[in-house]
Each structure stands twice: as C-alpha cells, then as structure tokens.
Amino acid sequence: MTEQPARIDLGALAEEHAALAAAGPHGRSAHLVLHDGVLRQTVIALRAGAALDEHNAPVAASLQVLRGRVSLTVAGRRLEVAAGELCPVPQERHGLIAHTDAVVLLTAVTA
C-alpha cells in the first residue's frame, strides 16, 4: 500500500493569511505550502493597495488568483488577473499590486 500525499486546504490557508495580511503592518502575509525539489508553491495574501516590489523571475512560474484582483507589473505594463484566473509569470523583473484584498497561489520552478 502506498502512502497518500498530504492534502492542503487552500481555502483555509487563504482565509488564514488574508486575516494576517489585514492585521499586519505591511498588508501582506505569505506561506510556503509545498517545497518539492525545484518546485515551490506559496500562498500570498495582500491587503488592497499592498504590493510586492519588483523582483527577479524564477526559471518558470505561474500565478493563480484564489480571491480578489491583482495586477502583475512587468516593464511598466500591468496585467490584471482576477479570482479564478491563472497566468504565467514572465521571465523578467516583475511585481504584484493588489487592487482588492487578494490571495494568490504562486507556483515556481527554481534552479
């Protein structure tokens, strides 16, 4: 009999980190959900108006919005992404801005 992988309740994590972001001084909260070799998945909650400054992109990544509405900022452009949508993260410096209270799942492959 093989062992079943652990299950993660993303709804509960979204709720928990949305509350932490709302109460925190910087309006954000993050939790590394999965770290398996080069694969990382992180839940990130942002209060409306909060942002993640520009940073370098990993080898490959995607952003899934679990709740709210955000913009992925890349080279002066903004790509708006809403709850239920998934988008690739470009392989260039980028940032993230929350238009509403939001929670996203960032999936990244690192080298």
Protein backbone atom coordinates (compact mmCIF):
# COMPACT_ATOMS: atom_id res chain seq x y z
CA MET A 1 0.00 0.00 0.00
CA THR A 2 1.42 3.38 -0.99
CA GLU A 3 1.24 6.39 1.26
CA GLN A 4 -1.24 9.06 0.20
CA PRO A 5 0.23 12.55 -0.30
CA ALA A 6 -0.74 15.19 2.25
CA ARG A 7 -3.69 17.31 1.20
CA ILE A 8 -3.64 21.06 1.57
CA ASP A 9 -6.79 23.09 2.18
CA LEU A 10 -6.12 26.19 0.08
CA GLY A 11 -9.40 27.78 1.17
CA ALA A 12 -8.39 27.58 4.83
CA LEU A 13 -4.89 28.88 4.07
CA ALA A 14 -6.35 31.75 2.03
CA GLU A 15 -8.65 32.66 4.93
CA GLU A 16 -5.83 32.49 7.50
CA HIS A 17 -3.36 34.57 5.50
CA ALA A 18 -5.97 37.11 4.38
CA ALA A 19 -6.63 37.74 8.10
CA LEU A 20 -2.90 38.01 8.82
CA ALA A 21 -2.42 40.45 5.91
CA ALA A 22 -5.37 42.56 7.11
CA ALA A 23 -3.90 42.79 10.60
CA GLY A 24 -0.24 43.16 9.60
CA PRO A 25 1.58 46.49 9.32
CA HIS A 26 2.67 45.86 5.72
CA GLY A 27 -0.63 44.40 4.49
CA ARG A 28 0.76 41.08 3.37
CA SER A 29 1.34 37.52 4.52
CA ALA A 30 2.94 34.52 2.81
CA HIS A 31 3.30 30.82 3.49
CA LEU A 32 5.38 28.24 1.62
CA VAL A 33 2.82 25.49 1.01
CA LEU A 34 4.89 23.00 -0.96
CA HIS A 35 8.63 22.57 -1.44
CA ASP A 36 9.46 19.52 -3.52
CA GLY A 37 12.85 19.64 -5.22
CA VAL A 38 12.77 22.60 -7.62
CA LEU A 39 9.01 23.10 -7.24
CA ARG A 40 7.69 25.67 -4.78
CA GLN A 41 4.13 26.79 -4.16
CA THR A 42 3.42 29.78 -1.96
CA VAL A 43 0.16 31.33 -0.79
CA ILE A 44 0.49 35.12 -0.71
CA ALA A 45 -2.20 37.38 0.78
CA LEU A 46 -2.23 41.12 0.13
CA ARG A 47 -4.48 43.79 1.59
CA ALA A 48 -5.99 46.16 -1.03
CA GLY A 49 -3.27 48.62 -2.10
CA ALA A 50 -0.39 46.45 -0.86
CA ALA A 51 2.35 45.46 -3.28
CA LEU A 52 5.33 43.23 -3.76
CA ASP A 53 8.16 45.28 -5.21
CA GLU A 54 9.81 44.27 -8.46
CA HIS A 55 11.99 41.20 -8.16
CA ASN A 56 13.71 38.73 -10.47
CA ALA A 57 11.71 35.91 -12.00
CA PRO A 58 12.38 32.24 -11.28
CA VAL A 59 13.10 29.75 -14.08
CA ALA A 60 9.34 29.26 -14.59
CA ALA A 61 6.29 30.41 -12.64
CA SER A 62 2.54 30.89 -12.69
CA LEU A 63 0.16 32.96 -10.61
CA GLN A 64 -3.33 31.74 -9.72
CA VAL A 65 -5.66 34.22 -8.03
CA LEU A 66 -7.68 32.47 -5.35
CA ARG A 67 -9.62 35.58 -4.30
CA GLY A 68 -9.66 39.27 -5.18
CA ARG A 69 -7.98 41.10 -8.05
CA VAL A 70 -4.29 41.87 -8.62
CA SER A 71 -2.01 43.24 -11.30
CA LEU A 72 1.25 41.65 -12.31
CA THR A 73 3.58 44.53 -13.22
CA VAL A 74 6.21 43.94 -15.88
CA ALA A 75 8.34 46.65 -17.55
CA GLY A 76 5.81 49.40 -16.87
CA ARG A 77 2.85 47.30 -18.02
CA ARG A 78 0.09 45.89 -15.83
CA LEU A 79 -1.64 42.59 -16.43
CA GLU A 80 -4.81 42.41 -14.35
CA VAL A 81 -5.71 38.96 -13.01
CA ALA A 82 -8.93 38.18 -11.12
CA ALA A 83 -10.16 35.37 -8.87
CA GLY A 84 -10.28 32.07 -10.70
CA GLU A 85 -7.71 33.10 -13.30
CA LEU A 86 -4.24 31.66 -13.87
CA CYS A 87 -1.44 33.38 -15.75
CA PRO A 88 2.21 32.66 -16.48
CA VAL A 89 4.77 34.91 -14.83
CA PRO A 90 7.09 36.42 -17.47
CA GLN A 91 10.79 35.68 -17.14
CA GLU A 92 11.72 39.26 -16.38
CA ARG A 93 11.62 41.53 -13.35
CA HIS A 94 8.07 41.88 -12.10
CA GLY A 95 5.96 42.96 -9.15
CA LEU A 96 2.45 42.46 -7.83
CA ILE A 97 -0.19 45.00 -6.75
CA ALA A 98 -3.48 44.15 -5.02
CA HIS A 99 -6.47 46.16 -6.24
CA THR A 100 -8.72 44.47 -3.67
CA ASP A 101 -7.92 42.26 -0.71
CA ALA A 102 -6.43 39.28 -2.54
CA VAL A 103 -4.88 35.87 -2.11
CA VAL A 104 -2.78 34.21 -4.81
CA LEU A 105 -1.01 30.89 -5.26
CA LEU A 106 2.45 31.35 -6.76
CA THR A 107 3.90 28.22 -8.34
CA ALA A 108 7.60 28.49 -9.16
CA VAL A 109 10.32 26.26 -10.51
CA THR A 110 13.76 27.22 -9.26
CA ALA A 111 17.13 26.04 -10.50
